Amino acid sequence: MSLPFAEYAIQVAYLIATALFILSLKWLSSPTTARRGVLAGEVGMALAIVGTLLDRNIVDYRWIAIGLVLGSVIGVPLGRVPMTAVPQRTALSHAFGALCVALVGTAEYFHRVPDVPGFMMGALSMEVILASLTFTGSLMAAGKLQEVLPQRPITYKGQNVINLSLLAIAIGIAVFLVRNPGHPGLFLLMMAISLAFGVMMVVPIGGADMPTVISLLNSYAGLSASAMGFVLNSKLLIIAGALDGSSGFILSVIMSKAMNRSFTNVLFGAFGQVQVSAAAAQEARPVHAATADEAAAILTAANKVVVVPGYGMAVAQAQHRVRDLFDALTKRGVDVKFGIHPVAGRMPGQMNVLLAEADVPYDALYEADAINPELAQTDVALIIGANDVTNPAARHDTSSPIYGMPILDVDKARTVMVIKRGMSPGFAGIDNELYYLDRTLMLFGDAKTFVGDIVKALTGGHG
């Protein structure tokens, strides 16, 4: 029996959307095809929405219209945030998506109770648990990134036992509901415990682990959406959620390796606490400061320069001045490269995006593994607001919380220059011993202004 035209159009739209989602992920993996990947994802999502709106089971479009308007009112301003706020905006996107999944799962349960098949109840439970903890966890992450909440980890004795107990209780209730679905009170309790677990999961996590947390929450959001696909019998949701969940999980593994961290440590560790001894020593140790003119003179005499951008560059929105510096030095015959650490900034790839926005040639960007062998032959390593990813303590100080974390070996360069507002520690709350080396010059000030002054000195005031 042939399908009605509307049903046929829906299936075709879903099929094309699925293909575009897969192609989008593939194209996003390369800078040369990233724009195409974004466009493919946008077109795929538009087709998915149109296909859903054609569903003959929709009896009233008014609530859908209200939802679209409300979503647009919230989404448009979120899409116009500055680049520095993209990490927290991403966390908020995860929160909104997870809230949607949790509400849909709750509505489906109360619509079907008590006649909920075992498999359906299992999918519903997984959907609600993952979505609920992702919702509150993402809000906590956004709060930390926006500095509304304390950036340092909030820890207490026995937190691991309490957190794991909460999760175990939620899973236990889910198992019970699979066999005995007619207990709405237990369903709501399971949801409440999951919401609490999301808070307890992220609050103890330090700032240095935030990139991994963001990607992990992305994975949870995708998995919960995939579970919702089983509940709603939507193949598109199952596939899209699985793609999102698996890609987020793979990225989390990559980020953890880049930080020499395990998932257990990321979720339950106290990484990022300020060391009292380091903070006390910071006040007494001298540093060598330099002016923009002195920095320009050193850069002019250099043959090879490696620039290491960090969150300080993002906060100051200095990426365009950095491009000006790149141009000025390149015209003088200086070999300029950028060393990009995978966890520099507040989310994966943030430095790449900022430098791409300023049209810095992508072939000038090198990952940590590629640039580290060259740093010993580098005349000047210029660090712009990168703290934790340049801290030599990660290599030798076994007592340091970042011990074993792969870093950029900038301390091996002949001269190190650090642009920084002050001597405060980085987001991990750990003092950086790089600043006290004899070959290190501290360039105190706003990154955008200081780099601009260096460019003016290099170009005779015409930069």
Protein backbone atom coordinates (compact mmCIF):
# COMPACT_ATOMS: atom_id res chain seq x y z
CA MET A 1 0.00 0.00 0.00
CA SER A 2 1.47 3.35 -1.06
CA LEU A 3 2.04 6.09 1.49
CA PRO A 4 -0.01 9.31 1.38
CA PHE A 5 1.91 12.19 -0.17
CA ALA A 6 2.34 14.03 3.16
CA GLU A 7 3.73 10.90 4.84
CA TYR A 8 6.03 10.28 1.88
CA ALA A 9 7.29 13.89 2.02
CA ILE A 10 7.98 13.54 5.76
CA GLN A 11 10.04 10.38 5.28
CA VAL A 12 12.03 11.94 2.43
CA ALA A 13 12.68 15.09 4.52
CA TYR A 14 13.85 12.97 7.45
CA LEU A 15 16.11 10.86 5.22
CA ILE A 16 17.76 13.91 3.67
CA ALA A 17 18.07 15.56 7.10
CA THR A 18 19.80 12.45 8.48
CA ALA A 19 22.27 12.42 5.61
CA LEU A 20 22.97 16.14 6.10
CA PHE A 21 23.60 15.65 9.84
CA ILE A 22 26.17 12.95 9.08
CA LEU A 23 27.84 15.06 6.40
CA SER A 24 27.81 18.05 8.73
CA LEU A 25 29.87 16.20 11.33
CA LYS A 26 32.28 15.01 8.66
CA TRP A 27 32.76 18.48 7.15
CA LEU A 28 33.08 20.16 10.55
CA SER A 29 36.18 18.06 11.23
CA SER A 30 38.21 20.14 8.77
CA PRO A 31 38.65 23.95 8.75
CA THR A 32 38.46 24.04 4.95
CA THR A 33 34.97 22.49 4.94
CA ALA A 34 33.67 23.78 8.29
CA ARG A 35 31.40 26.43 6.78
CA ARG A 36 29.87 23.80 4.54
CA GLY A 37 29.36 21.61 7.61
CA VAL A 38 27.53 24.37 9.47
CA LEU A 39 25.30 25.02 6.46
CA ALA A 40 24.55 21.33 6.06
CA GLY A 41 23.54 21.08 9.72
CA GLU A 42 21.29 24.14 9.44
CA VAL A 43 19.56 22.84 6.30
CA GLY A 44 19.18 19.40 7.87
CA MET A 45 17.56 20.88 10.98
CA ALA A 46 15.22 23.03 8.85
CA LEU A 47 14.12 19.93 6.92
CA ALA A 48 13.59 18.02 10.17
CA ILE A 49 11.38 20.82 11.54
CA VAL A 50 9.37 21.13 8.32
CA GLY A 51 8.91 17.36 8.17
CA THR A 52 7.67 17.31 11.77
CA LEU A 53 5.22 20.14 11.12
CA LEU A 54 3.70 18.08 8.28
CA ASP A 55 2.83 15.27 10.68
CA ARG A 56 -0.89 14.49 10.42
CA ASN A 57 -1.02 13.63 14.15
CA ILE A 58 -0.76 17.33 15.01
CA VAL A 59 -4.22 18.50 16.03
CA ASP A 60 -3.49 22.12 16.94
CA TYR A 61 -0.68 24.34 15.69
CA ARG A 62 -1.27 27.16 18.16
CA TRP A 63 0.98 25.79 20.90
CA ILE A 64 3.63 24.96 18.31
CA ALA A 65 3.51 28.55 17.06
CA ILE A 66 3.84 29.85 20.63
CA GLY A 67 6.84 27.58 21.15
CA LEU A 68 8.49 28.74 17.94
CA VAL A 69 8.03 32.39 18.85
CA LEU A 70 9.25 31.86 22.42
CA GLY A 71 12.26 29.90 21.19
CA SER A 72 13.11 32.63 18.69
CA VAL A 73 12.83 35.34 21.34
CA ILE A 74 15.32 33.45 23.51
CA GLY A 75 17.52 32.07 20.74
CA VAL A 76 18.20 35.20 18.69
CA PRO A 77 19.85 37.15 21.56
CA LEU A 78 21.81 34.03 22.55
CA GLY A 79 23.16 33.82 19.01
CA ARG A 80 24.50 37.38 19.21
CA VAL A 81 26.71 37.00 22.27
CA PRO A 82 30.39 37.95 21.92
CA MET A 83 32.88 35.21 21.11
CA THR A 84 34.12 35.25 24.71
CA ALA A 85 30.67 34.15 25.88
CA VAL A 86 30.31 31.24 23.45
CA PRO A 87 31.25 28.58 26.07
CA GLN A 88 28.53 29.64 28.50
CA ARG A 89 26.09 30.14 25.62
CA THR A 90 26.83 26.56 24.54
CA ALA A 91 26.18 25.36 28.08
CA LEU A 92 22.85 27.21 28.10
CA SER A 93 21.94 25.58 24.77
CA HIS A 94 22.60 22.19 26.35
CA ALA A 95 20.42 23.20 29.30
CA PHE A 96 17.48 24.27 27.12
CA GLY A 97 17.72 21.15 24.97
CA ALA A 98 17.88 18.89 28.02
CA LEU A 99 14.93 20.67 29.66
CA CYS A 100 12.90 20.08 26.52
CA VAL A 101 13.74 16.37 26.54
CA ALA A 102 12.93 16.04 30.25
CA LEU A 103 9.56 17.76 29.84
CA VAL A 104 8.63 15.66 26.81
CA GLY A 105 9.59 12.50 28.70
CA THR A 106 7.53 13.54 31.71
CA ALA A 107 4.51 14.35 29.54
CA GLU A 108 4.79 11.00 27.74
CA TYR A 109 4.94 9.13 31.04
CA PHE A 110 1.85 10.77 32.50
CA HIS A 111 0.07 10.36 29.18
CA ARG A 112 0.72 6.60 29.12
CA VAL A 113 0.71 5.64 32.82
CA PRO A 114 -0.08 3.04 34.07
CA ASP A 115 0.04 1.13 30.77
CA VAL A 116 3.71 1.71 29.94
CA PRO A 117 5.52 -1.24 28.31
CA GLY A 118 8.80 -2.28 29.91
CA PHE A 119 11.04 -1.18 27.04
CA MET A 120 9.19 2.13 26.79
CA MET A 121 9.57 2.72 30.53
CA GLY A 122 13.28 1.95 30.34
CA ALA A 123 13.74 4.45 27.50
CA LEU A 124 11.65 7.03 29.37
CA SER A 125 13.72 6.58 32.53
CA MET A 126 17.02 6.91 30.68
CA GLU A 127 15.69 9.96 28.85
CA VAL A 128 14.55 11.75 31.99
CA ILE A 129 17.60 10.89 34.13
CA LEU A 130 20.10 12.02 31.50
CA ALA A 131 18.10 15.10 30.51
CA SER A 132 17.52 16.21 34.11
CA LEU A 133 21.15 15.96 35.20
CA THR A 134 22.23 17.61 31.95
CA PHE A 135 19.82 20.50 32.55
CA THR A 136 21.07 21.42 36.01
CA GLY A 137 24.67 20.45 35.25
CA SER A 138 24.69 22.75 32.21
CA LEU A 139 23.26 25.61 34.27
CA MET A 140 26.03 25.12 36.84
CA ALA A 141 28.66 25.06 34.07
CA ALA A 142 27.25 28.23 32.51
CA GLY A 143 27.23 29.91 35.92
CA LYS A 144 30.87 29.03 36.55
CA LEU A 145 31.94 30.18 33.09
CA GLN A 146 30.03 33.45 33.49
CA GLU A 147 31.50 33.81 36.99
CA VAL A 148 28.04 34.04 38.52
CA LEU A 149 29.01 31.00 40.56
CA PRO A 150 32.40 30.42 42.21
CA GLN A 151 34.89 29.28 39.58
CA ARG A 152 36.85 27.23 42.08
CA PRO A 153 35.66 23.72 42.95
CA ILE A 154 33.33 23.45 45.92
CA THR A 155 34.23 20.24 47.68
CA TYR A 156 33.35 18.53 50.94
CA LYS A 157 34.19 15.30 52.67
CA GLY A 158 32.38 12.28 51.27
CA GLN A 159 31.11 14.04 48.15
CA ASN A 160 31.93 11.08 45.90
CA VAL A 161 29.90 8.71 48.05
CA ILE A 162 26.93 11.09 48.13
CA ASN A 163 27.04 11.77 44.38
CA LEU A 164 27.30 8.12 43.44
CA SER A 165 24.56 7.25 45.92
CA LEU A 166 22.21 9.78 44.33
CA LEU A 167 22.86 8.34 40.89
CA ALA A 168 22.45 4.79 42.16
CA ILE A 169 19.11 5.66 43.78
CA ALA A 170 17.83 7.24 40.56
CA ILE A 171 18.86 4.18 38.55
CA GLY A 172 17.31 1.89 41.18
CA ILE A 173 13.99 3.73 40.93
CA ALA A 174 14.19 3.45 37.13
CA VAL A 175 14.68 -0.32 37.35
CA PHE A 176 11.70 -0.58 39.71
CA LEU A 177 9.52 1.50 37.39
CA VAL A 178 10.34 -0.71 34.42
CA ARG A 179 8.59 -3.56 36.24
CA ASN A 180 6.04 -1.39 38.09
CA PRO A 181 5.34 1.73 36.01
CA GLY A 182 2.21 2.85 37.85
CA HIS A 183 3.98 4.99 40.48
CA PRO A 184 3.95 8.65 39.41
CA GLY A 185 5.38 9.74 42.74
CA LEU A 186 8.47 7.60 42.25
CA PHE A 187 8.87 8.92 38.71
CA LEU A 188 8.92 12.50 39.99
CA LEU A 189 11.34 11.51 42.76
CA MET A 190 13.66 9.97 40.17
CA MET A 191 13.55 13.21 38.20
CA ALA A 192 14.20 15.34 41.31
CA ILE A 193 17.19 13.19 42.32
CA SER A 194 18.60 13.49 38.79
CA LEU A 195 18.23 17.26 38.91
CA ALA A 196 20.09 17.34 42.23
CA PHE A 197 22.80 15.05 40.88
CA GLY A 198 23.42 17.45 37.98
CA VAL A 199 24.19 20.22 40.47
CA MET A 200 26.34 18.02 42.68
CA MET A 201 28.21 16.68 39.64
CA VAL A 202 29.47 20.03 38.32
CA VAL A 203 29.91 22.13 41.48
CA PRO A 204 33.04 20.19 42.64
CA ILE A 205 34.69 20.52 39.24
CA GLY A 206 37.45 23.09 38.79
CA GLY A 207 37.70 25.59 35.96
CA ALA A 208 40.52 23.78 34.17
CA ASP A 209 38.19 20.85 33.51
CA MET A 210 35.39 22.97 32.06
CA PRO A 211 36.17 22.19 28.39
CA THR A 212 35.76 18.49 29.13
CA VAL A 213 32.60 19.12 31.14
CA ILE A 214 31.04 21.04 28.24
CA SER A 215 31.74 18.24 25.77
CA LEU A 216 30.54 15.61 28.24
CA LEU A 217 27.27 17.46 28.83
CA ASN A 218 26.88 17.65 25.06
CA SER A 219 27.19 13.86 24.97
CA TYR A 220 24.55 13.44 27.70
CA ALA A 221 22.17 15.77 25.87
CA GLY A 222 22.57 13.74 22.69
CA LEU A 223 22.00 10.42 24.44
CA SER A 224 18.87 11.72 26.14
CA ALA A 225 17.53 12.93 22.79
CA SER A 226 18.24 9.51 21.29
CA ALA A 227 16.29 7.86 24.12
CA MET A 228 13.44 10.28 23.42
CA GLY A 229 13.51 9.05 19.81
CA PHE A 230 12.69 5.53 21.03
CA VAL A 231 9.85 6.91 23.15
CA LEU A 232 8.36 8.93 20.28
CA ASN A 233 9.17 6.30 17.64
CA SER A 234 11.25 8.86 15.73
CA LYS A 235 14.11 7.41 13.70
CA LEU A 236 15.48 10.88 13.03
CA LEU A 237 15.74 11.68 16.74
CA ILE A 238 17.43 8.34 17.42
CA ILE A 239 20.05 8.93 14.73
CA ALA A 240 20.62 12.63 15.46
CA GLY A 241 20.85 12.00 19.20
CA ALA A 242 23.25 9.10 18.70
CA LEU A 243 25.46 11.26 16.46
CA ASP A 244 25.46 14.05 19.03
CA GLY A 245 26.05 11.72 21.94
CA SER A 246 28.85 9.72 20.34
CA SER A 247 30.68 12.76 18.96
CA GLY A 248 30.47 14.48 22.36
CA PHE A 249 31.77 11.36 24.07
CA ILE A 250 34.70 11.02 21.65
CA LEU A 251 35.54 14.69 22.13
CA SER A 252 35.42 14.23 25.91
CA VAL A 253 37.90 11.35 25.65
CA ILE A 254 40.21 13.49 23.50
CA MET A 255 39.98 16.40 25.94
CA SER A 256 40.65 14.15 28.93
CA LYS A 257 43.75 12.73 27.24
CA ALA A 258 44.90 16.27 26.47
CA MET A 259 44.65 17.07 30.18
CA ASN A 260 45.94 13.68 31.38
CA ARG A 261 42.67 13.25 33.24
CA SER A 262 40.22 10.40 33.66
CA PHE A 263 36.44 10.72 33.49
CA THR A 264 36.25 9.81 37.17
CA ASN A 265 38.57 12.68 38.07
CA VAL A 266 36.72 15.10 35.85
CA LEU A 267 33.35 14.26 37.35
CA PHE A 268 34.33 13.83 40.98
CA GLY A 269 37.80 15.36 41.44
CA ALA A 270 38.78 18.55 43.23
CA PHE A 271 40.98 19.79 40.39
CA GLY A 272 41.57 23.51 40.50
CA GLN A 273 41.91 24.26 44.20
CA VAL A 274 44.36 27.05 44.97
CA GLN A 275 47.52 25.83 46.62
CA VAL A 276 48.25 27.89 49.70
CA SER A 277 52.00 27.50 49.38
CA ALA A 278 51.98 28.63 45.76
CA ALA A 279 49.76 31.60 46.52
CA ALA A 280 51.98 32.66 49.40
CA ALA A 281 55.18 32.31 47.38
CA GLN A 282 53.68 34.39 44.61
CA GLU A 283 53.89 37.61 46.65
CA ALA A 284 57.61 37.33 47.43
CA ARG A 285 59.05 36.16 44.09
CA PRO A 286 60.31 38.87 41.69
CA VAL A 287 59.40 39.06 38.00
CA HIS A 288 60.90 40.91 35.04
CA ALA A 289 58.55 43.44 33.44
CA ALA A 290 58.93 45.06 30.00
CA THR A 291 57.26 47.78 27.94
CA ALA A 292 55.65 47.53 24.51
CA ASP A 293 58.67 49.23 22.90
CA GLU A 294 61.05 46.74 24.50
CA ALA A 295 58.87 43.85 23.40
CA ALA A 296 58.76 45.22 19.84
CA ALA A 297 62.56 45.48 19.76
CA ILE A 298 62.94 41.85 20.85
CA LEU A 299 60.38 40.66 18.29
CA THR A 300 62.10 42.66 15.53
CA ALA A 301 65.39 40.88 16.22
CA ALA A 302 63.75 37.45 16.23
CA ASN A 303 63.79 34.99 13.36
CA LYS A 304 61.14 32.65 14.75
CA VAL A 305 58.18 33.54 16.97
CA VAL A 306 55.51 31.28 18.42
CA VAL A 307 52.33 32.96 19.67
CA VAL A 308 50.29 31.09 22.31
CA PRO A 309 46.75 32.48 22.66
CA GLY A 310 44.57 31.86 25.69
CA TYR A 311 41.41 33.04 27.38
CA GLY A 312 43.02 36.41 28.14
CA MET A 313 43.10 37.08 24.40
CA ALA A 314 39.43 36.15 24.17
CA VAL A 315 38.39 38.38 27.08
CA ALA A 316 40.24 41.37 25.64
CA GLN A 317 38.93 40.58 22.14
CA ALA A 318 42.49 41.01 20.94
CA GLN A 319 42.37 38.53 18.06
CA HIS A 320 42.32 41.27 15.40
CA ARG A 321 45.31 43.02 16.97
CA VAL A 322 47.06 39.65 17.03
CA ARG A 323 46.42 39.36 13.30
CA ASP A 324 47.96 42.83 12.86
CA LEU A 325 50.99 41.65 14.82
CA PHE A 326 51.22 38.55 12.63
CA ASP A 327 51.15 40.72 9.49
CA ALA A 328 53.72 43.21 10.83
CA LEU A 329 56.19 40.49 11.82
CA THR A 330 55.66 38.46 8.65
CA LYS A 331 56.45 41.54 6.51
CA ARG A 332 59.75 41.80 8.37
CA GLY A 333 60.59 38.21 7.43
CA VAL A 334 59.88 36.74 10.85
CA ASP A 335 58.55 33.16 10.88
CA VAL A 336 55.38 33.39 13.00
CA LYS A 337 53.41 30.34 14.13
CA PHE A 338 50.60 29.85 16.63
CA GLY A 339 50.69 27.13 19.28
CA ILE A 340 47.16 25.99 20.12
CA HIS A 341 46.58 23.87 23.19
CA PRO A 342 43.40 21.75 22.95
CA VAL A 343 42.04 23.06 26.27
CA ALA A 344 43.08 26.72 25.91
CA GLY A 345 40.06 28.90 26.68
CA ARG A 346 36.78 27.64 28.05
CA MET A 347 35.69 25.17 25.38
CA PRO A 348 37.29 22.98 22.70
CA GLY A 349 38.42 24.91 19.63
CA GLN A 350 37.72 28.37 21.06
CA MET A 351 41.15 29.75 20.09
CA ASN A 352 40.83 28.37 16.56
CA VAL A 353 37.46 30.07 16.14
CA LEU A 354 38.72 33.42 17.46
CA LEU A 355 41.78 33.42 15.20
CA ALA A 356 39.71 32.32 12.21
CA GLU A 357 37.38 35.27 12.91
CA ALA A 358 40.42 37.54 12.54
CA ASP A 359 41.43 35.77 9.28
CA VAL A 360 44.65 34.36 10.69
CA PRO A 361 45.83 31.77 8.11
CA TYR A 362 44.90 28.33 9.34
CA ASP A 363 48.18 26.85 8.14
CA ALA A 364 49.90 29.06 10.74
CA LEU A 365 48.06 27.25 13.57
CA TYR A 366 49.77 24.23 15.11
CA GLU A 367 48.56 21.82 17.75
CA ALA A 368 50.63 21.32 20.88
CA ASP A 369 52.22 18.06 19.70
CA ALA A 370 53.28 19.69 16.43
CA ILE A 371 54.71 22.92 17.85
CA ASN A 372 56.45 21.58 20.99
CA PRO A 373 59.48 20.12 19.13
CA GLU A 374 60.11 23.56 17.60
CA LEU A 375 60.00 25.61 20.79
CA ALA A 376 63.61 24.89 21.76
CA GLN A 377 64.69 26.57 18.49
CA THR A 378 62.23 29.45 18.89
CA ASP A 379 63.56 32.95 19.58
CA VAL A 380 60.41 34.31 21.25
CA ALA A 381 57.38 32.58 22.70
CA LEU A 382 54.63 35.20 23.12
CA ILE A 383 51.89 34.06 25.51
CA ILE A 384 48.68 36.07 25.37
CA GLY A 385 46.54 35.24 28.35
CA ALA A 386 47.29 31.50 28.49
CA ASN A 387 48.03 30.38 32.05
CA ASP A 388 47.55 26.74 32.94
CA VAL A 389 48.52 25.28 29.55
CA THR A 390 52.02 26.85 29.80
CA ASN A 391 52.82 25.94 33.41
CA PRO A 392 56.07 23.89 33.61
CA ALA A 393 54.93 22.48 36.95
CA ALA A 394 52.84 20.00 34.98
CA ARG A 395 56.07 18.26 33.92
CA HIS A 396 57.98 17.93 37.19
CA ASP A 397 55.95 18.94 40.27
CA THR A 398 54.31 15.73 41.46
CA SER A 399 52.44 17.66 44.15
CA SER A 400 50.76 19.95 41.62
CA PRO A 401 47.12 19.22 40.69
CA ILE A 402 48.07 19.59 37.02
CA TYR A 403 51.00 17.18 37.18
CA GLY A 404 51.07 15.01 34.05
CA MET A 405 48.89 17.34 31.99
CA PRO A 406 50.44 17.90 28.53
CA ILE A 407 51.45 21.55 28.14
CA LEU A 408 53.06 23.84 25.58
CA ASP A 409 56.81 23.82 26.30
CA VAL A 410 57.19 27.59 25.99
CA ASP A 411 59.79 27.71 28.75
CA LYS A 412 62.27 26.13 26.31
CA ALA A 413 62.20 29.18 24.01
CA ARG A 414 65.13 31.60 24.19
CA THR A 415 62.85 34.42 25.38
CA VAL A 416 59.35 34.18 26.83
CA MET A 417 57.00 37.15 26.87
CA VAL A 418 53.68 36.96 28.73
CA ILE A 419 50.90 39.50 28.24
CA LYS A 420 48.79 39.47 31.38
CA ARG A 421 46.76 41.95 33.41
CA GLY A 422 48.32 40.92 36.72
CA MET A 423 49.85 38.05 38.65
CA SER A 424 46.62 36.28 39.53
CA PRO A 425 46.61 32.52 38.81
CA GLY A 426 44.75 31.04 35.86
CA PHE A 427 41.31 29.45 35.83
CA ALA A 428 42.71 26.35 37.52
CA GLY A 429 43.75 28.52 40.48
CA ILE A 430 47.40 27.41 40.28
CA ASP A 431 50.36 29.79 40.27
CA ASN A 432 52.49 29.54 37.10
CA GLU A 433 56.22 29.17 37.76
CA LEU A 434 56.92 30.26 34.15
CA TYR A 435 56.45 33.89 35.19
CA TYR A 436 59.47 33.82 37.51
CA LEU A 437 62.06 32.44 35.09
CA ASP A 438 65.03 34.65 34.18
CA ARG A 439 64.19 34.47 30.48
CA THR A 440 60.55 35.49 31.02
CA LEU A 441 59.36 39.08 30.52
CA MET A 442 55.97 40.06 31.91
CA LEU A 443 54.01 42.54 29.78
CA PHE A 444 51.35 43.81 32.17
CA GLY A 445 48.19 45.27 30.68
CA ASP A 446 45.11 44.64 28.57
CA ALA A 447 45.99 42.23 25.76
CA LYS A 448 44.24 44.22 23.03
CA THR A 449 45.91 47.49 24.04
CA PHE A 450 49.34 45.97 24.62
CA VAL A 451 49.44 44.05 21.33
CA GLY A 452 48.23 47.22 19.58
CA ASP A 453 51.09 49.19 21.16
CA ILE A 454 53.59 46.57 20.00
CA VAL A 455 52.23 46.78 16.46
CA LYS A 456 52.52 50.60 16.52
CA ALA A 457 56.13 50.31 17.67
CA LEU A 458 56.84 47.82 14.89
CA THR A 459 55.21 49.92 12.17
CA GLY A 460 56.23 53.36 13.35
CA GLY A 461 52.73 54.24 14.55
CA HIS A 462 50.93 53.17 11.37
CA GLY A 463 49.58 49.84 12.65
